[in-house]
């Protein structure tokens, strides 16, 4: 409700420039779709001017990328964002404003305070390992209650919006206004991503073989010092990989970023008792030096 209220209200806090991301609470990208993200966008478009853009082939730096955006556009919805989209390329639009370029016309810059808010829909995860990306993203995860086999029409017995009578429209408007009130009173609360979303981020960045090893590792090794070399060799053996197929450097980065995604502390230090070899510790509470 707070996310809906934020998107409906025109106010934009310069200290909290958010991109709203509608994702799915599923670990398998192929099982996404039909969960209601499109209905969410349609509901917002009934309340404000929303420009919807096909995200499959969209490139933010392409000429005339936002040519359909107008001065009264309040929301830009980039639908079905492709896998591994470069989220950093959207930073300036999210935090500073947007430049509108139309054919045979002068450029128009809309400053941050007056520019449209940005929302993504995707079946994938948007990279957010860096602190900068985390600060700019607010994720809403849709469950699989609705899917390709069980639709809102099956549940409600009628289509949304165009099958409504005046009573249903009034209930809809009252709910949307209640969402604005919720946002004004409480702001947007912090939310922790689901395990499925976290795992999907890890798998997309470092492969399914690493995710499988990682899940065993966190079950067995929390707060237990482990020699980095032993972990690396264990990972290679488990997946029947050669060093050239998965480098030690990539494995170390996968450990560090997976810990960050999962919300754990990751400590890497030299163990003098083993001749200065590197040991690593994964912890929920952190380790005193």
Protein backbone atom coordinates (compact mmCIF):
# COMPACT_ATOMS: atom_id res chain seq x y z
CA UNK A 1 0.00 0.00 0.00
CA UNK A 2 2.83 2.39 0.82
CA UNK A 3 4.43 1.72 -2.57
CA UNK A 4 1.15 2.49 -4.34
CA UNK A 5 0.80 5.68 -2.29
CA UNK A 6 4.35 6.73 -3.16
CA UNK A 7 3.72 6.23 -6.87
CA UNK A 8 0.40 8.09 -6.80
CA UNK A 9 1.66 11.10 -4.85
CA UNK A 10 3.56 13.76 -6.79
CA UNK A 11 6.05 14.54 -4.00
CA UNK A 12 9.63 13.35 -4.60
CA UNK A 13 12.06 13.45 -1.69
CA UNK A 14 15.52 14.36 -3.08
CA UNK A 15 17.12 12.27 -0.32
CA UNK A 16 15.09 9.18 -1.28
CA UNK A 17 15.08 8.80 -5.06
CA UNK A 18 13.54 5.38 -5.62
CA UNK A 19 12.95 3.10 -8.56
CA UNK A 20 10.13 0.69 -7.81
CA UNK A 21 10.72 -2.84 -9.08
CA UNK A 22 7.89 -5.34 -9.45
CA UNK A 23 9.42 -8.81 -9.34
CA UNK A 24 8.30 -12.33 -8.55
CA UNK A 25 8.83 -14.54 -5.53
CA UNK A 26 10.14 -17.48 -7.51
CA UNK A 27 13.64 -18.89 -7.82
CA UNK A 28 13.07 -20.03 -11.41
CA UNK A 29 12.77 -17.24 -14.01
CA UNK A 30 10.89 -19.59 -16.35
CA UNK A 31 8.02 -19.95 -13.88
CA UNK A 32 7.31 -16.20 -13.75
CA UNK A 33 4.55 -14.30 -15.50
CA UNK A 34 0.84 -13.82 -14.99
CA UNK A 35 1.19 -12.93 -11.31
CA UNK A 36 -0.47 -9.50 -11.53
CA UNK A 37 2.31 -7.01 -12.26
CA UNK A 38 0.50 -5.76 -15.37
CA UNK A 39 -2.72 -5.28 -13.39
CA UNK A 40 -0.76 -3.26 -10.82
CA UNK A 41 0.44 -0.90 -13.59
CA UNK A 42 -3.05 -0.69 -15.10
CA UNK A 43 -4.50 0.25 -11.71
CA UNK A 44 -2.02 3.11 -11.38
CA UNK A 45 -2.78 4.29 -14.93
CA UNK A 46 -6.43 4.76 -13.90
CA UNK A 47 -5.26 7.40 -11.42
CA UNK A 48 -2.47 9.28 -13.23
CA UNK A 49 -0.76 9.69 -16.60
CA UNK A 50 1.45 6.65 -17.06
CA UNK A 51 3.68 6.02 -20.06
CA UNK A 52 4.31 2.31 -20.59
CA UNK A 53 7.47 1.22 -22.42
CA UNK A 54 8.39 -2.25 -23.67
CA UNK A 55 11.53 -3.11 -21.73
CA UNK A 56 12.62 -6.15 -23.75
CA UNK A 57 14.60 -4.11 -26.28
CA UNK A 58 14.70 -0.77 -24.46
CA UNK A 59 18.02 1.07 -24.15
CA UNK A 60 18.08 4.14 -21.96
CA UNK A 61 20.86 5.82 -23.99
CA UNK A 62 19.15 5.33 -27.34
CA UNK A 63 18.02 8.43 -29.27
CA UNK A 64 14.37 9.33 -28.60
CA UNK A 65 14.12 6.67 -25.89
CA UNK A 66 11.58 8.75 -23.96
CA UNK A 67 9.97 10.62 -26.86
CA UNK A 68 6.45 9.63 -25.74
CA UNK A 69 6.95 11.17 -22.29
CA UNK A 70 5.12 14.48 -21.80
CA UNK A 71 5.23 17.24 -19.21
CA UNK A 72 2.16 15.79 -17.48
CA UNK A 73 3.51 12.21 -17.41
CA UNK A 74 3.68 11.17 -13.77
CA UNK A 75 4.94 7.61 -14.11
CA UNK A 76 7.17 5.75 -16.56
CA UNK A 77 6.57 1.99 -16.45
CA UNK A 78 9.28 -0.02 -18.18
CA UNK A 79 7.62 -3.40 -18.64
CA UNK A 80 9.30 -6.82 -18.84
CA UNK A 81 12.82 -5.55 -18.29
CA UNK A 82 15.35 -7.90 -19.85
CA UNK A 83 17.74 -10.10 -17.92
CA UNK A 84 20.95 -8.45 -16.64
CA UNK A 85 19.75 -4.93 -17.43
CA UNK A 86 22.33 -2.22 -16.66
CA UNK A 87 20.59 -0.62 -13.70
CA UNK A 88 23.38 1.95 -13.27
CA UNK A 89 22.47 3.50 -16.62
CA UNK A 90 19.19 4.65 -15.05
CA UNK A 91 20.81 6.42 -12.07
CA UNK A 92 20.63 9.95 -13.48
CA UNK A 93 16.97 9.55 -14.47
CA UNK A 94 16.09 8.25 -11.02
CA UNK A 95 18.04 10.88 -9.06
CA UNK A 96 18.43 13.97 -11.24
CA UNK A 97 15.66 14.24 -13.82
CA UNK A 98 14.99 13.19 -17.38
CA UNK A 99 15.89 14.57 -20.80
CA UNK A 100 13.16 14.26 -23.44
CA UNK A 101 14.39 14.15 -27.02
CA UNK A 102 11.86 14.19 -29.85
CA UNK A 103 12.48 14.15 -33.59
CA UNK A 104 13.03 17.59 -35.12
CA UNK A 105 12.50 19.33 -31.77
CA UNK A 106 14.77 20.80 -29.10
CA UNK A 107 15.64 18.69 -26.08
CA UNK A 108 13.55 19.20 -22.98
CA UNK A 109 14.96 18.56 -19.52
CA UNK A 110 12.51 17.88 -16.68
CA UNK A 111 14.22 18.36 -13.29
CA UNK A 112 13.97 15.76 -10.55
CA UNK A 113 11.16 17.41 -8.58
CA UNK A 114 8.86 17.48 -11.63
CA UNK A 115 10.04 14.39 -13.48
CA UNK A 116 8.04 11.14 -13.63
CA UNK A 117 8.70 8.37 -11.14
CA UNK A 118 10.15 5.15 -12.53
CA UNK A 119 8.84 1.61 -12.16
CA UNK A 120 10.19 -1.65 -13.63
CA UNK A 121 8.38 -4.94 -14.07
CA UNK A 122 10.47 -8.05 -14.59
CA UNK A 123 10.56 -11.83 -14.22
CA UNK A 124 14.26 -11.55 -13.43
CA UNK A 125 16.20 -9.79 -10.69
CA UNK A 126 17.72 -6.34 -11.10
CA UNK A 127 21.36 -6.22 -9.93
CA UNK A 128 21.61 -4.50 -6.55
CA UNK A 129 24.82 -5.72 -4.94
CA UNK A 130 26.28 -2.22 -4.63
CA UNK A 131 25.11 0.06 -1.83
CA UNK A 132 24.18 2.69 -4.43
CA UNK A 133 21.83 0.29 -6.21
CA UNK A 134 20.29 -0.90 -2.93
CA UNK A 135 19.49 2.68 -1.89
CA UNK A 136 17.70 3.36 -5.16
CA UNK A 137 15.59 0.21 -5.34
CA UNK A 138 12.36 -0.68 -3.62
CA UNK A 139 11.21 -4.16 -4.58
CA UNK A 140 7.67 -5.54 -4.52
CA UNK A 141 7.55 -9.32 -4.92
CA UNK A 142 4.44 -10.92 -6.40
CA UNK A 143 3.56 -14.43 -5.27
CA UNK A 144 2.40 -17.17 -7.63
CA UNK A 145 -1.21 -17.05 -6.38
CA UNK A 146 -2.17 -15.77 -9.84
CA UNK A 147 -0.40 -17.42 -12.77
CA UNK A 148 -0.97 -18.53 -16.36
CA UNK A 149 -3.38 -21.25 -15.18
CA UNK A 150 -5.26 -19.32 -12.48
CA UNK A 151 -6.17 -15.75 -13.38
CA UNK A 152 -8.01 -12.89 -11.65
CA UNK A 153 -10.97 -13.71 -13.92
CA UNK A 154 -11.08 -17.20 -12.39
CA UNK A 155 -10.91 -15.76 -8.87
CA UNK A 156 -13.32 -12.80 -9.15
CA UNK A 157 -15.66 -14.15 -11.81
CA UNK A 158 -15.39 -10.98 -13.90
CA UNK A 159 -12.75 -8.84 -15.54
CA UNK A 160 -11.10 -6.05 -13.58
CA UNK A 161 -11.82 -2.40 -14.42
CA UNK A 162 -14.01 -2.70 -17.55
CA UNK A 163 -16.51 -5.02 -15.81
CA UNK A 164 -16.90 -2.84 -12.72
CA UNK A 165 -20.03 -0.97 -11.66
CA UNK A 166 -19.97 2.35 -9.81
CA UNK A 167 -19.77 0.66 -6.39
CA UNK A 168 -16.65 -1.27 -7.35
CA UNK A 169 -15.03 1.83 -8.82
CA UNK A 170 -15.71 3.73 -5.60
CA UNK A 171 -14.13 0.92 -3.56
CA UNK A 172 -11.12 1.06 -5.87
CA UNK A 173 -10.74 4.85 -5.50
CA UNK A 174 -11.13 4.65 -1.71
CA UNK A 175 -8.43 1.98 -1.54
CA UNK A 176 -6.02 4.00 -3.69
CA UNK A 177 -6.54 7.09 -1.53
CA UNK A 178 -5.97 4.96 1.58
CA UNK A 179 -2.64 3.92 0.04
CA UNK A 180 -1.64 7.58 -0.34
CA UNK A 181 -2.55 8.16 3.30
CA UNK A 182 -0.47 5.14 4.33
CA UNK A 183 2.54 6.53 2.46
CA UNK A 184 2.17 10.02 3.93
CA UNK A 185 1.91 8.68 7.47
CA UNK A 186 4.57 5.96 7.43
CA UNK A 187 6.65 6.42 4.29
CA UNK A 188 7.98 3.35 2.50
CA UNK A 189 8.99 0.67 5.02
CA UNK A 190 12.18 -1.32 4.59
CA UNK A 191 11.57 -4.83 3.34
CA UNK A 192 13.84 -7.83 3.20
CA UNK A 193 13.86 -9.68 -0.11
CA UNK A 194 12.63 -13.28 -0.07
CA UNK A 195 15.01 -16.23 -0.09
CA UNK A 196 13.87 -17.00 -3.65
CA UNK A 197 14.81 -13.54 -4.88
CA UNK A 198 18.17 -13.62 -3.12
CA UNK A 199 18.96 -17.02 -4.60
CA UNK A 200 17.92 -15.82 -8.04
CA UNK A 201 20.34 -12.90 -7.75
CA UNK A 202 23.16 -15.26 -6.82
CA UNK A 203 22.33 -17.72 -9.60
CA UNK A 204 22.11 -15.01 -12.26
CA UNK A 205 25.48 -13.56 -11.26
CA UNK A 206 27.53 -16.67 -10.51
CA UNK A 207 25.74 -19.67 -11.95
CA UNK A 208 23.53 -22.48 -10.78
CA UNK A 209 26.51 -24.60 -9.75
CA UNK A 210 27.70 -21.92 -7.33
CA UNK A 211 24.21 -21.45 -5.87
CA UNK A 212 23.93 -25.19 -5.20
CA UNK A 213 27.28 -25.17 -3.40
CA UNK A 214 26.43 -21.93 -1.55
CA UNK A 215 23.22 -23.35 -0.06
CA UNK A 216 25.17 -26.30 1.40
CA UNK A 217 27.91 -23.95 2.63
CA UNK A 218 25.64 -21.62 4.63
CA UNK A 219 23.86 -24.60 6.22
CA UNK A 220 27.12 -26.09 7.43
CA UNK A 221 29.57 -23.22 7.97
CA UNK A 222 27.91 -20.31 9.77
CA UNK A 223 30.42 -18.70 12.20
CA UNK A 224 32.96 -21.43 11.43
CA UNK A 225 36.38 -20.37 10.06
CA UNK A 226 37.16 -22.19 6.80
CA UNK A 227 40.30 -22.13 4.70
CA UNK A 228 39.54 -20.36 1.45
CA UNK A 229 41.63 -22.79 -0.60
CA UNK A 230 39.75 -25.77 0.83
CA UNK A 231 36.40 -24.19 -0.01
CA UNK A 232 37.50 -23.45 -3.56
CA UNK A 233 38.72 -27.01 -4.12
CA UNK A 234 35.53 -28.37 -2.57
CA UNK A 235 33.43 -26.23 -4.94
CA UNK A 236 35.38 -27.42 -8.00
CA UNK A 237 35.14 -31.06 -6.96
CA UNK A 238 31.42 -30.87 -6.23
CA UNK A 239 30.70 -29.51 -9.72
CA UNK A 240 33.46 -31.41 -11.55
CA UNK A 241 35.02 -28.15 -12.73
CA UNK A 242 38.57 -27.28 -13.69
CA UNK A 243 40.28 -24.13 -12.39
CA UNK A 244 40.21 -22.61 -15.87
CA UNK A 245 36.43 -23.06 -15.96
CA UNK A 246 35.80 -21.17 -12.69
CA UNK A 247 38.68 -19.03 -11.51
CA UNK A 248 39.66 -18.53 -7.89
CA UNK A 249 39.13 -14.78 -8.35
CA UNK A 250 35.56 -15.30 -9.53
CA UNK A 251 34.88 -17.73 -6.70
CA UNK A 252 36.09 -15.20 -4.09
CA UNK A 253 33.92 -12.46 -5.59
CA UNK A 254 30.95 -14.84 -5.63
CA UNK A 255 31.46 -15.53 -1.91
CA UNK A 256 31.68 -11.84 -1.02
CA UNK A 257 28.70 -10.70 -3.09
CA UNK A 258 26.51 -13.67 -2.14
CA UNK A 259 27.10 -12.87 1.52
CA UNK A 260 26.08 -9.26 0.83
CA UNK A 261 22.94 -10.35 -1.04
CA UNK A 262 21.97 -12.79 1.73
CA UNK A 263 22.56 -10.20 4.45
CA UNK A 264 25.54 -11.92 6.12
CA UNK A 265 28.89 -10.62 7.26
CA UNK A 266 31.83 -11.97 5.28
CA UNK A 267 35.28 -11.88 6.87
CA UNK A 268 38.48 -12.70 4.97
CA UNK A 269 41.74 -12.74 6.93
CA UNK A 270 45.14 -14.44 7.15
CA UNK A 271 45.57 -17.33 9.54
CA UNK A 272 49.09 -17.11 10.99
CA UNK A 273 48.90 -20.61 12.41
CA UNK A 274 48.55 -22.03 8.90
CA UNK A 275 51.45 -20.07 7.41
CA UNK A 276 49.45 -17.01 6.48
CA UNK A 277 46.87 -18.78 4.36
CA UNK A 278 43.51 -17.03 3.88
CA UNK A 279 40.57 -18.12 5.97
CA UNK A 280 37.01 -16.90 5.60
CA UNK A 281 34.11 -16.66 8.03
CA UNK A 282 30.42 -16.24 7.28
CA UNK A 283 28.41 -14.76 10.15
CA UNK A 284 24.98 -13.37 10.92
CA UNK A 285 26.33 -11.11 13.69
CA UNK A 286 29.80 -10.12 12.55
CA UNK A 287 33.15 -11.09 14.02
CA UNK A 288 35.28 -9.03 16.38
CA UNK A 289 38.76 -8.42 15.01
